[in-house]
Amino acid sequence: MSEPGPHIHVERKVLEAGPEVRNLISSMLGRTTDAPSVVTTGCGRQVPFAMTSPRPESVTCLACREHAHREYTRFAEQFERLGRGPLPGGAVSAEQIAAAVDRLRDLAKRFAG
């Protein structure tokens, strides 16, 4: 593990970061998952999980902010393409996809700012 330094980072897999994903997995499996002790960051370092945040306002590492901006923008574009085509089975509405795209673009913008 690299020396963490003074910065707060973002996990490399931004959509999998944060308590929401762990809560979803817990609700699906009926078991809680532990947060990892060490994670790989958007800037490529390995730091303690406590030195990361999914909140743009908390991330101080510029390389991690740029990484998160790119990832959220890329995911927003993928969701947008998904919403253009027919949605087999209708499990997710076009409005839900549009709302997800808006949230992802907002996060990307907040990481860029």
C-alpha atoms as a PDB file:
ATOM      1  CA  MET A   1       0.000   0.000   0.000  1.00  0.00           C
ATOM      2  CA  SER A   2       1.255   3.467  -0.872  1.00  0.00           C
ATOM      3  CA  GLU A   3       1.609   6.122   1.791  1.00  0.00           C
ATOM      4  CA  PRO A   4      -1.870   7.728   1.764  1.00  0.00           C
ATOM      5  CA  GLY A   5      -0.766  11.368   1.969  1.00  0.00           C
ATOM      6  CA  PRO A   6      -3.104  14.206   2.900  1.00  0.00           C
ATOM      7  CA  HIS A   7      -5.610  13.822   0.059  1.00  0.00           C
ATOM      8  CA  ILE A   8      -9.042  12.256  -0.030  1.00  0.00           C
ATOM      9  CA  HIS A   9      -9.410  10.010  -3.078  1.00  0.00           C
ATOM     10  CA  VAL A  10     -12.185   8.303  -5.015  1.00  0.00           C
ATOM     11  CA  GLU A  11     -12.333   4.552  -5.596  1.00  0.00           C
ATOM     12  CA  ARG A  12     -11.374   3.440  -9.101  1.00  0.00           C
ATOM     13  CA  LYS A  13     -14.763   1.725  -9.626  1.00  0.00           C
ATOM     14  CA  VAL A  14     -16.854   4.814  -8.905  1.00  0.00           C
ATOM     15  CA  LEU A  15     -20.278   3.232  -9.437  1.00  0.00           C
ATOM     16  CA  GLU A  16     -19.442   0.454  -7.010  1.00  0.00           C
ATOM     17  CA  ALA A  17     -18.170   2.841  -4.335  1.00  0.00           C
ATOM     18  CA  GLY A  18     -20.147   4.034  -1.403  1.00  0.00           C
ATOM     19  CA  PRO A  19     -22.668   2.590   0.989  1.00  0.00           C
ATOM     20  CA  GLU A  20     -25.526   2.399  -1.548  1.00  0.00           C
ATOM     21  CA  VAL A  21     -23.993  -0.569  -3.361  1.00  0.00           C
ATOM     22  CA  ARG A  22     -23.162  -2.372  -0.110  1.00  0.00           C
ATOM     23  CA  ASN A  23     -26.727  -1.747   1.105  1.00  0.00           C
ATOM     24  CA  LEU A  24     -28.152  -3.110  -2.153  1.00  0.00           C
ATOM     25  CA  ILE A  25     -26.029  -6.252  -1.914  1.00  0.00           C
ATOM     26  CA  SER A  26     -27.014  -6.654   1.728  1.00  0.00           C
ATOM     27  CA  SER A  27     -30.711  -6.368   0.920  1.00  0.00           C
ATOM     28  CA  MET A  28     -30.387  -8.905  -1.906  1.00  0.00           C
ATOM     29  CA  LEU A  29     -28.336 -11.445   0.057  1.00  0.00           C
ATOM     30  CA  GLY A  30     -29.679 -10.835   3.528  1.00  0.00           C
ATOM     31  CA  ARG A  31     -26.130 -10.358   4.778  1.00  0.00           C
ATOM     32  CA  THR A  32     -24.033  -7.326   5.420  1.00  0.00           C
ATOM     33  CA  THR A  33     -20.800  -6.746   3.578  1.00  0.00           C
ATOM     34  CA  ASP A  34     -17.775  -5.141   5.135  1.00  0.00           C
ATOM     35  CA  ALA A  35     -16.091  -2.154   3.590  1.00  0.00           C
ATOM     36  CA  PRO A  36     -12.658  -3.091   2.262  1.00  0.00           C
ATOM     37  CA  SER A  37      -9.714  -1.936   4.365  1.00  0.00           C
ATOM     38  CA  VAL A  38      -7.628  -0.889   1.322  1.00  0.00           C
ATOM     39  CA  VAL A  39      -8.864   0.190  -2.118  1.00  0.00           C
ATOM     40  CA  THR A  40      -7.361   1.183  -5.444  1.00  0.00           C
ATOM     41  CA  THR A  41      -8.110   4.786  -6.291  1.00  0.00           C
ATOM     42  CA  GLY A  42      -8.836   6.658  -9.501  1.00  0.00           C
ATOM     43  CA  CYS A  43      -5.251   7.943  -9.487  1.00  0.00           C
ATOM     44  CA  GLY A  44      -3.931   4.376  -9.200  1.00  0.00           C
ATOM     45  CA  ARG A  45      -2.794   4.449  -5.581  1.00  0.00           C
ATOM     46  CA  GLN A  46      -3.748   1.934  -2.924  1.00  0.00           C
ATOM     47  CA  VAL A  47      -5.005   3.744   0.150  1.00  0.00           C
ATOM     48  CA  PRO A  48      -7.050   2.934   3.244  1.00  0.00           C
ATOM     49  CA  PHE A  49     -10.782   2.927   2.509  1.00  0.00           C
ATOM     50  CA  ALA A  50     -11.143   5.703   5.097  1.00  0.00           C
ATOM     51  CA  MET A  51      -9.132   7.999   2.786  1.00  0.00           C
ATOM     52  CA  THR A  52     -11.796   7.792   0.027  1.00  0.00           C
ATOM     53  CA  SER A  53     -15.179   9.373  -0.526  1.00  0.00           C
ATOM     54  CA  PRO A  54     -17.920   9.048  -3.166  1.00  0.00           C
ATOM     55  CA  ARG A  55     -18.900  12.703  -2.492  1.00  0.00           C
ATOM     56  CA  PRO A  56     -17.336  15.183  -4.959  1.00  0.00           C
ATOM     57  CA  GLU A  57     -17.124  17.882  -2.285  1.00  0.00           C
ATOM     58  CA  SER A  58     -14.835  15.689  -0.170  1.00  0.00           C
ATOM     59  CA  VAL A  59     -12.381  14.475  -2.843  1.00  0.00           C
ATOM     60  CA  THR A  60      -9.180  16.548  -2.826  1.00  0.00           C
ATOM     61  CA  CYS A  61      -6.987  14.474  -5.187  1.00  0.00           C
ATOM     62  CA  LEU A  62      -7.124  16.187  -8.588  1.00  0.00           C
ATOM     63  CA  ALA A  63      -6.322  12.994 -10.534  1.00  0.00           C
ATOM     64  CA  CYS A  64      -9.145  11.164  -8.729  1.00  0.00           C
ATOM     65  CA  ARG A  65     -11.575  14.015  -9.446  1.00  0.00           C
ATOM     66  CA  GLU A  66     -10.670  13.844 -13.156  1.00  0.00           C
ATOM     67  CA  HIS A  67     -11.064  10.054 -13.120  1.00  0.00           C
ATOM     68  CA  ALA A  68     -14.507  10.286 -11.489  1.00  0.00           C
ATOM     69  CA  HIS A  69     -15.580  12.996 -13.950  1.00  0.00           C
ATOM     70  CA  ARG A  70     -14.612  10.771 -16.906  1.00  0.00           C
ATOM     71  CA  GLU A  71     -16.254   7.662 -15.422  1.00  0.00           C
ATOM     72  CA  TYR A  72     -19.560   9.348 -14.552  1.00  0.00           C
ATOM     73  CA  THR A  73     -19.663  11.011 -17.991  1.00  0.00           C
ATOM     74  CA  ARG A  74     -18.996   7.641 -19.655  1.00  0.00           C
ATOM     75  CA  PHE A  75     -21.696   5.898 -17.604  1.00  0.00           C
ATOM     76  CA  ALA A  76     -24.190   8.694 -18.384  1.00  0.00           C
ATOM     77  CA  GLU A  77     -23.521   8.233 -22.111  1.00  0.00           C
ATOM     78  CA  GLN A  78     -23.975   4.463 -21.814  1.00  0.00           C
ATOM     79  CA  PHE A  79     -27.276   4.860 -19.941  1.00  0.00           C
ATOM     80  CA  GLU A  80     -28.434   7.425 -22.477  1.00  0.00           C
ATOM     81  CA  ARG A  81     -27.754   5.002 -25.352  1.00  0.00           C
ATOM     82  CA  LEU A  82     -29.600   2.294 -23.430  1.00  0.00           C
ATOM     83  CA  GLY A  83     -32.623   4.578 -23.100  1.00  0.00           C
ATOM     84  CA  ARG A  84     -32.827   5.249 -26.842  1.00  0.00           C
ATOM     85  CA  GLY A  85     -33.609   1.692 -27.801  1.00  0.00           C
ATOM     86  CA  PRO A  86     -36.590  -0.457 -26.960  1.00  0.00           C
ATOM     87  CA  LEU A  87     -36.471  -1.635 -23.376  1.00  0.00           C
ATOM     88  CA  PRO A  88     -37.127  -5.379 -23.375  1.00  0.00           C
ATOM     89  CA  GLY A  89     -39.441  -6.467 -20.605  1.00  0.00           C
ATOM     90  CA  GLY A  90     -40.099  -2.900 -19.534  1.00  0.00           C
ATOM     91  CA  ALA A  91     -38.355  -3.356 -16.170  1.00  0.00           C
ATOM     92  CA  VAL A  92     -37.019   0.189 -16.316  1.00  0.00           C
ATOM     93  CA  SER A  93     -38.923   3.076 -17.853  1.00  0.00           C
ATOM     94  CA  ALA A  94     -37.447   5.691 -20.161  1.00  0.00           C
ATOM     95  CA  GLU A  95     -38.151   8.274 -17.445  1.00  0.00           C
ATOM     96  CA  GLN A  96     -36.135   6.286 -14.901  1.00  0.00           C
ATOM     97  CA  ILE A  97     -33.220   6.034 -17.318  1.00  0.00           C
ATOM     98  CA  ALA A  98     -33.431   9.777 -18.040  1.00  0.00           C
ATOM     99  CA  ALA A  99     -33.381  10.491 -14.292  1.00  0.00           C
ATOM    100  CA  ALA A 100     -30.337   8.226 -13.858  1.00  0.00           C
ATOM    101  CA  VAL A 101     -28.564  10.000 -16.726  1.00  0.00           C
ATOM    102  CA  ASP A 102     -29.307  13.365 -15.095  1.00  0.00           C
ATOM    103  CA  ARG A 103     -27.893  12.174 -11.748  1.00  0.00           C
ATOM    104  CA  LEU A 104     -24.758  10.786 -13.404  1.00  0.00           C
ATOM    105  CA  ARG A 105     -24.191  13.993 -15.386  1.00  0.00           C
ATOM    106  CA  ASP A 106     -24.689  16.037 -12.218  1.00  0.00           C
ATOM    107  CA  LEU A 107     -22.061  13.955 -10.407  1.00  0.00           C
ATOM    108  CA  ALA A 108     -19.667  14.305 -13.360  1.00  0.00           C
ATOM    109  CA  LYS A 109     -20.159  18.074 -13.319  1.00  0.00           C
ATOM    110  CA  ARG A 110     -19.587  18.255  -9.546  1.00  0.00           C
ATOM    111  CA  PHE A 111     -16.336  16.291  -9.860  1.00  0.00           C
ATOM    112  CA  ALA A 112     -15.168  18.581 -12.682  1.00  0.00           C
ATOM    113  CA  GLY A 113     -15.937  21.741 -10.686  1.00  0.00           C
END
